[in-house]
Amino acid sequence: MIDPSERPADGRDLARQVATVVAFVATVVVNGLANALPINGLTTGEISDRFPVLVVPAGYVFSIWGAIYVGLLAFTVYQALPGRRADPLLRRLGWLPALTGVLNVGWILLWHGEAFLLTAPVMAALLATLVAIEARIRDGSRRTGAERWVVAVPFSVYVGWITVATIANVSATLASLGFGGFGIEPPVIASAVLLVGLGIASVMVLRFRDPAYGLVIAWAYAGIVVKEAEAALVPLVASASALVVLAVVAGVISRGSRGRPERRPAAASLAR
């Protein structure tokens, strides 16, 4: 029996490639229109600003979407190449990249339609899909330079940002429902949420040995420090959490470099 990963390219592979391209284009177009039109008369940020949530980063932090879209464009072009049709890694990712586009578009439409209660499960599904992609990319197999930069890194940045976005989305959804935190002060709740995010980030960085993911979390937390500089407790917890994540990232990078065998000069090798 032929190993599925070794079967010749066929229509299923082509359909997967096309679906991924269509999903990416739809994601870029819908997100662009959400702020250019804007959809329902409000930009994505204007809707977010309605809710007094203390875990949303400063506006400049959202520029990371530019890096995300560039990375996803590189991935989309790479996976669409005829020579990549039967690529084992891309086959393993399957339709998950296309699904992220569908969920992204769905979230935008729900958010602008002010169906806030429905946005949280859609965002959670997007995060779960990206974590599944991360797991399939980092399955222990050795990655080539191209796979690292146009597959692994783009999705590391994406899942890192969506981790933060999920936290903010759930907080905004609760605010939209009038949740009062059972009388607990908002800065205390926000700090607890940030610590939960720190735990998730630390596990992800250590589990997948993914520095890029951790750097995105640190970038977002630093943005929370800037935005909530005048708030009680929140900037302290956010800054401490960012430093912890950076320390975890440094540890992963250090262990990775120590684990690589040293290369000896060819002449020395021959002499032995």
Foldseek 3Di string as FASTA:
>chain_A
DDDLLPDDFDPLLQVLLVLLVVLLVLLVVLLVCCAVVNQLPDHLVVLLVVFPALLFFDPVLVCCVVVLSVLSVLLSVVSNDPVNSSPSLVVLLGNLSSVLSVLSSVLSVCSSVVVLVVNLVSLVVSLVSLVSNLCSLQVPDDDDPSCCRNPNLSSLLVSLVSLSVSLSSVRRSCVVVVDDPVPDDNLVVNLVSLVVSLVVLLCVCVVRVDLSSLQSLLSSLVRSCVVCVVPPPSNVSSNVSSVVSVVSNVVSVVVVVVPDDDDDDPVVVVVD
